[in-house]
Amino acid sequence: MKRTLLALIAPPAAVARHGCVTCTAAPIGVFWLGGLAGIGYGLAGGALGSLFGPGFLIAAGVLLWLIAAAWARLVIRGVESDLLHRADSTHDHQVEPADEDPFHQLRSNV
């Protein structure tokens, strides 16, 4: 429950400790900050507010915030699934790299 609530309030903080921060928290943070900026700009009645109306900017900001929250929740669920080693976990189904040189065929034809 705490993680879901944190994913709704501050999605980057919810996923910061799960996986690579630059792969998960940074892109989610961009959506979240874009949502905050859209909501704030819409409430302030910015330049785009006069073109589309402040409701459009607020709705776009809320949409971006919801996308960030859903993305954060999916990341948390995926990490939990991998840690529990369920049947659909990618953690148990990884292909081990071969010991041979990947350029062996290219070098033998030269």
N, C-alpha and C. Protein backbone atom coordinates (compact mmCIF):
# COMPACT_ATOMS: atom_id res chain seq x y z
N MET A 1 0.81 -1.19 0.00
CA MET A 1 0.00 0.00 0.00
C MET A 1 0.86 1.26 0.00
N LYS A 2 1.97 1.22 0.75
CA LYS A 2 2.85 2.39 0.79
C LYS A 2 3.45 2.67 -0.58
N ARG A 3 3.87 1.59 -1.28
CA ARG A 3 4.49 1.78 -2.59
C ARG A 3 3.50 2.32 -3.61
N THR A 4 2.26 1.83 -3.55
CA THR A 4 1.24 2.32 -4.47
C THR A 4 0.94 3.78 -4.21
N LEU A 5 0.82 4.15 -2.95
CA LEU A 5 0.57 5.55 -2.61
C LEU A 5 1.75 6.44 -3.02
N LEU A 6 2.96 5.96 -2.78
CA LEU A 6 4.14 6.73 -3.20
C LEU A 6 4.22 6.82 -4.71
N ALA A 7 3.82 5.75 -5.41
CA ALA A 7 3.82 5.79 -6.88
C ALA A 7 2.80 6.79 -7.41
N LEU A 8 1.73 7.03 -6.68
CA LEU A 8 0.74 8.03 -7.10
C LEU A 8 1.20 9.45 -6.79
N ILE A 9 1.86 9.63 -5.64
CA ILE A 9 2.26 10.98 -5.22
C ILE A 9 3.55 11.42 -5.89
N ALA A 10 4.58 10.58 -5.81
CA ALA A 10 5.90 10.92 -6.37
C ALA A 10 6.48 9.68 -7.06
N PRO A 11 6.09 9.43 -8.31
CA PRO A 11 6.54 8.21 -9.01
C PRO A 11 8.06 8.02 -9.09
N PRO A 12 8.87 9.07 -9.32
CA PRO A 12 10.32 8.82 -9.38
C PRO A 12 10.89 8.33 -8.05
N ALA A 13 10.35 8.82 -6.95
CA ALA A 13 10.84 8.37 -5.64
C ALA A 13 10.45 6.93 -5.37
N ALA A 14 9.34 6.48 -5.94
CA ALA A 14 8.89 5.11 -5.72
C ALA A 14 9.79 4.10 -6.42
N VAL A 15 10.36 4.47 -7.57
CA VAL A 15 11.16 3.51 -8.33
C VAL A 15 12.66 3.77 -8.22
N ALA A 16 13.06 4.75 -7.45
CA ALA A 16 14.48 5.10 -7.38
C ALA A 16 15.34 3.97 -6.84
N ARG A 17 14.81 3.14 -5.97
CA ARG A 17 15.61 2.06 -5.41
C ARG A 17 15.43 0.74 -6.16
N HIS A 18 14.61 0.73 -7.21
CA HIS A 18 14.40 -0.47 -8.00
C HIS A 18 15.15 -0.36 -9.32
N GLY A 19 16.18 -1.13 -9.50
CA GLY A 19 16.87 -1.17 -10.77
C GLY A 19 17.75 0.04 -11.02
N CYS A 20 18.03 0.26 -12.27
CA CYS A 20 18.89 1.34 -12.72
C CYS A 20 18.12 2.66 -12.65
N VAL A 21 18.63 3.60 -11.90
CA VAL A 21 17.92 4.87 -11.70
C VAL A 21 17.79 5.64 -13.01
N THR A 22 18.81 5.63 -13.84
CA THR A 22 18.74 6.36 -15.10
C THR A 22 17.81 5.68 -16.10
N CYS A 23 17.56 4.39 -15.93
CA CYS A 23 16.67 3.67 -16.84
C CYS A 23 15.22 3.75 -16.41
N THR A 24 14.96 3.98 -15.13
CA THR A 24 13.58 3.97 -14.65
C THR A 24 13.16 5.31 -14.06
N ALA A 25 13.86 5.79 -13.07
CA ALA A 25 13.42 7.00 -12.36
C ALA A 25 13.54 8.25 -13.22
N ALA A 26 14.56 8.35 -14.04
CA ALA A 26 14.74 9.56 -14.84
C ALA A 26 13.63 9.75 -15.88
N PRO A 27 13.31 8.74 -16.70
CA PRO A 27 12.20 8.96 -17.65
C PRO A 27 10.85 9.16 -16.97
N ILE A 28 10.60 8.43 -15.88
CA ILE A 28 9.36 8.62 -15.15
C ILE A 28 9.32 10.02 -14.55
N GLY A 29 10.45 10.50 -14.09
CA GLY A 29 10.53 11.85 -13.54
C GLY A 29 10.23 12.92 -14.57
N VAL A 30 10.62 12.68 -15.82
CA VAL A 30 10.34 13.65 -16.88
C VAL A 30 8.83 13.77 -17.08
N PHE A 31 8.14 12.63 -17.14
CA PHE A 31 6.69 12.67 -17.29
C PHE A 31 6.03 13.34 -16.09
N TRP A 32 6.51 12.99 -14.89
CA TRP A 32 5.93 13.55 -13.67
C TRP A 32 6.14 15.06 -13.59
N LEU A 33 7.35 15.52 -13.86
CA LEU A 33 7.62 16.96 -13.84
C LEU A 33 6.87 17.69 -14.95
N GLY A 34 6.73 17.04 -16.10
CA GLY A 34 5.92 17.63 -17.16
C GLY A 34 4.47 17.79 -16.74
N GLY A 35 3.97 16.79 -16.01
CA GLY A 35 2.61 16.89 -15.49
C GLY A 35 2.46 18.00 -14.48
N LEU A 36 3.43 18.11 -13.57
CA LEU A 36 3.40 19.20 -12.59
C LEU A 36 3.45 20.56 -13.27
N ALA A 37 4.32 20.68 -14.27
CA ALA A 37 4.44 21.95 -14.98
C ALA A 37 3.15 22.28 -15.73
N GLY A 38 2.53 21.27 -16.35
CA GLY A 38 1.28 21.50 -17.06
C GLY A 38 0.16 21.94 -16.13
N ILE A 39 0.07 21.29 -14.97
CA ILE A 39 -0.96 21.66 -14.00
C ILE A 39 -0.71 23.08 -13.48
N GLY A 40 0.54 23.37 -13.12
CA GLY A 40 0.87 24.70 -12.62
C GLY A 40 0.67 25.78 -13.65
N TYR A 41 1.07 25.50 -14.89
CA TYR A 41 0.93 26.48 -15.95
C TYR A 41 -0.54 26.70 -16.29
N GLY A 42 -1.33 25.63 -16.22
CA GLY A 42 -2.76 25.76 -16.48
C GLY A 42 -3.46 26.55 -15.39
N LEU A 43 -3.07 26.33 -14.13
CA LEU A 43 -3.67 27.08 -13.03
C LEU A 43 -3.28 28.55 -13.09
N ALA A 44 -2.08 28.83 -13.59
CA ALA A 44 -1.62 30.22 -13.69
C ALA A 44 -2.18 30.91 -14.93
N GLY A 45 -2.78 30.13 -15.85
CA GLY A 45 -3.35 30.72 -17.06
C GLY A 45 -2.29 31.20 -18.01
N GLY A 46 -1.33 30.36 -18.33
CA GLY A 46 -0.22 30.74 -19.19
C GLY A 46 -0.65 31.02 -20.62
N ALA A 47 0.33 31.22 -21.49
CA ALA A 47 0.09 31.60 -22.88
C ALA A 47 -0.72 30.54 -23.62
N LEU A 48 -0.41 29.27 -23.38
CA LEU A 48 -1.19 28.22 -24.02
C LEU A 48 -2.59 28.13 -23.42
N GLY A 49 -2.77 28.64 -22.22
CA GLY A 49 -4.08 28.65 -21.59
C GLY A 49 -5.07 29.52 -22.36
N SER A 50 -4.57 30.59 -22.96
CA SER A 50 -5.47 31.46 -23.73
C SER A 50 -5.80 30.83 -25.09
N LEU A 51 -4.93 29.98 -25.59
CA LEU A 51 -5.16 29.34 -26.88
C LEU A 51 -6.10 28.15 -26.74
N PHE A 52 -5.81 27.25 -25.81
CA PHE A 52 -6.60 26.04 -25.64
C PHE A 52 -7.53 26.10 -24.44
N GLY A 53 -7.31 27.01 -23.56
CA GLY A 53 -8.08 27.09 -22.32
C GLY A 53 -7.29 26.42 -21.20
N PRO A 54 -7.42 26.93 -19.98
CA PRO A 54 -6.64 26.38 -18.87
C PRO A 54 -7.02 24.93 -18.55
N GLY A 55 -8.24 24.54 -18.86
CA GLY A 55 -8.67 23.17 -18.61
C GLY A 55 -7.87 22.16 -19.42
N PHE A 56 -7.50 22.54 -20.64
CA PHE A 56 -6.70 21.64 -21.48
C PHE A 56 -5.33 21.39 -20.87
N LEU A 57 -4.68 22.43 -20.40
CA LEU A 57 -3.36 22.27 -19.80
C LEU A 57 -3.42 21.46 -18.52
N ILE A 58 -4.44 21.68 -17.72
CA ILE A 58 -4.58 20.92 -16.48
C ILE A 58 -4.86 19.46 -16.80
N ALA A 59 -5.71 19.20 -17.78
CA ALA A 59 -6.00 17.81 -18.18
C ALA A 59 -4.76 17.12 -18.74
N ALA A 60 -3.98 17.84 -19.54
CA ALA A 60 -2.75 17.26 -20.08
C ALA A 60 -1.75 16.97 -18.96
N GLY A 61 -1.68 17.86 -17.97
CA GLY A 61 -0.79 17.63 -16.84
C GLY A 61 -1.21 16.44 -16.01
N VAL A 62 -2.50 16.31 -15.78
CA VAL A 62 -3.01 15.15 -15.02
C VAL A 62 -2.76 13.86 -15.80
N LEU A 63 -2.93 13.90 -17.12
CA LEU A 63 -2.66 12.72 -17.95
C LEU A 63 -1.19 12.31 -17.86
N LEU A 64 -0.28 13.27 -17.93
CA LEU A 64 1.15 12.95 -17.80
C LEU A 64 1.46 12.38 -16.41
N TRP A 65 0.84 12.92 -15.39
CA TRP A 65 1.05 12.43 -14.02
C TRP A 65 0.54 10.99 -13.91
N LEU A 66 -0.62 10.69 -14.49
CA LEU A 66 -1.16 9.33 -14.43
C LEU A 66 -0.29 8.35 -15.22
N ILE A 67 0.28 8.79 -16.32
CA ILE A 67 1.19 7.94 -17.08
C ILE A 67 2.42 7.61 -16.24
N ALA A 68 2.97 8.61 -15.56
CA ALA A 68 4.14 8.38 -14.71
C ALA A 68 3.80 7.44 -13.56
N ALA A 69 2.62 7.60 -12.97
CA ALA A 69 2.23 6.73 -11.86
C ALA A 69 2.03 5.30 -12.32
N ALA A 70 1.39 5.10 -13.47
CA ALA A 70 1.19 3.75 -13.99
C ALA A 70 2.53 3.11 -14.36
N TRP A 71 3.41 3.87 -14.96
CA TRP A 71 4.74 3.37 -15.33
C TRP A 71 5.52 2.96 -14.08
N ALA A 72 5.46 3.77 -13.05
CA ALA A 72 6.15 3.44 -11.80
C ALA A 72 5.58 2.17 -11.18
N ARG A 73 4.28 2.04 -11.20
CA ARG A 73 3.66 0.84 -10.63
C ARG A 73 4.05 -0.41 -11.43
N LEU A 74 4.14 -0.30 -12.74
CA LEU A 74 4.57 -1.43 -13.56
C LEU A 74 6.01 -1.82 -13.28
N VAL A 75 6.87 -0.84 -13.08
CA VAL A 75 8.27 -1.13 -12.75
C VAL A 75 8.36 -1.85 -11.40
N ILE A 76 7.63 -1.36 -10.43
CA ILE A 76 7.66 -1.98 -9.10
C ILE A 76 7.13 -3.41 -9.17
N ARG A 77 6.05 -3.63 -9.92
CA ARG A 77 5.50 -4.97 -10.07
C ARG A 77 6.48 -5.91 -10.76
N GLY A 78 7.16 -5.42 -11.78
CA GLY A 78 8.13 -6.25 -12.50
C GLY A 78 9.30 -6.64 -11.61
N VAL A 79 9.79 -5.71 -10.81
CA VAL A 79 10.90 -6.01 -9.90
C VAL A 79 10.45 -7.02 -8.84
N GLU A 80 9.26 -6.84 -8.30
CA GLU A 80 8.76 -7.78 -7.31
C GLU A 80 8.58 -9.17 -7.91
N SER A 81 8.11 -9.24 -9.14
CA SER A 81 7.93 -10.53 -9.82
C SER A 81 9.27 -11.23 -10.03
N ASP A 82 10.28 -10.48 -10.42
CA ASP A 82 11.60 -11.08 -10.61
C ASP A 82 12.20 -11.55 -9.30
N LEU A 83 11.97 -10.82 -8.22
CA LEU A 83 12.54 -11.22 -6.93
C LEU A 83 11.85 -12.45 -6.35
N LEU A 84 10.58 -12.66 -6.70
CA LEU A 84 9.85 -13.82 -6.19
C LEU A 84 10.09 -15.08 -7.02
N HIS A 85 10.75 -14.94 -8.17
CA HIS A 85 11.07 -16.06 -9.06
C HIS A 85 9.82 -16.82 -9.48
N ARG A 86 8.80 -16.12 -9.89
CA ARG A 86 7.59 -16.76 -10.39
C ARG A 86 7.86 -17.39 -11.74
N ALA A 87 6.86 -18.08 -12.27
CA ALA A 87 7.02 -18.77 -13.56
C ALA A 87 7.26 -17.80 -14.70
N ASP A 88 6.71 -16.59 -14.62
CA ASP A 88 6.89 -15.62 -15.69
C ASP A 88 8.09 -14.69 -15.46
N SER A 89 8.89 -14.99 -14.48
CA SER A 89 10.03 -14.16 -14.14
C SER A 89 11.13 -14.30 -15.19
N THR A 90 11.68 -13.17 -15.61
CA THR A 90 12.80 -13.22 -16.55
C THR A 90 14.11 -13.53 -15.84
N HIS A 91 14.10 -13.44 -14.54
CA HIS A 91 15.31 -13.69 -13.76
C HIS A 91 15.77 -15.14 -13.87
N ASP A 92 14.82 -16.07 -13.95
CA ASP A 92 15.16 -17.49 -14.03
C ASP A 92 15.29 -17.99 -15.47
N HIS A 93 14.98 -17.17 -16.44
CA HIS A 93 15.00 -17.62 -17.84
C HIS A 93 15.98 -16.81 -18.67
N GLN A 94 17.18 -16.67 -18.20
CA GLN A 94 18.19 -15.92 -18.94
C GLN A 94 19.09 -16.89 -19.71
N VAL A 95 19.54 -16.47 -20.84
CA VAL A 95 20.43 -17.27 -21.66
C VAL A 95 21.86 -16.95 -21.25
N GLU A 96 22.61 -17.98 -20.93
CA GLU A 96 24.01 -17.79 -20.54
C GLU A 96 24.85 -17.57 -21.79
N PRO A 97 25.78 -16.63 -21.76
CA PRO A 97 26.61 -16.38 -22.94
C PRO A 97 27.57 -17.54 -23.19
N ALA A 98 27.81 -17.78 -24.45
CA ALA A 98 28.74 -18.86 -24.83
C ALA A 98 30.18 -18.40 -24.56
N ASP A 99 31.07 -19.36 -24.38
CA ASP A 99 32.46 -19.04 -24.09
C ASP A 99 33.26 -18.74 -25.34
N GLU A 100 32.75 -19.11 -26.50
CA GLU A 100 33.53 -18.90 -27.71
C GLU A 100 33.54 -17.44 -28.13
N ASP A 101 34.49 -17.10 -28.94
CA ASP A 101 34.66 -15.74 -29.43
C ASP A 101 33.53 -15.42 -30.42
N PRO A 102 32.80 -14.34 -30.28
CA PRO A 102 31.71 -14.05 -31.20
C PRO A 102 32.20 -13.72 -32.62
N PHE A 103 33.45 -13.35 -32.76
CA PHE A 103 34.00 -13.03 -34.07
C PHE A 103 34.79 -14.19 -34.67
N HIS A 104 34.62 -15.37 -34.13
CA HIS A 104 35.38 -16.54 -34.58
C HIS A 104 35.12 -16.84 -36.06
N GLN A 105 33.86 -16.82 -36.50
CA GLN A 105 33.55 -17.11 -37.91
C GLN A 105 34.11 -16.03 -38.83
N LEU A 106 34.08 -14.80 -38.43
CA LEU A 106 34.60 -13.73 -39.27
C LEU A 106 36.11 -13.83 -39.44
N ARG A 107 36.80 -14.20 -38.37
CA ARG A 107 38.26 -14.28 -38.43
C ARG A 107 38.73 -15.51 -39.19
N SER A 108 37.94 -16.58 -39.19
CA SER A 108 38.38 -17.81 -39.87
C SER A 108 38.22 -17.69 -41.38
N ASN A 109 37.35 -16.80 -41.87
CA ASN A 109 37.15 -16.63 -43.31
C ASN A 109 38.15 -15.66 -43.93
N VAL A 110 38.95 -15.02 -43.12
CA VAL A 110 39.87 -14.02 -43.66
C VAL A 110 41.13 -14.65 -44.14
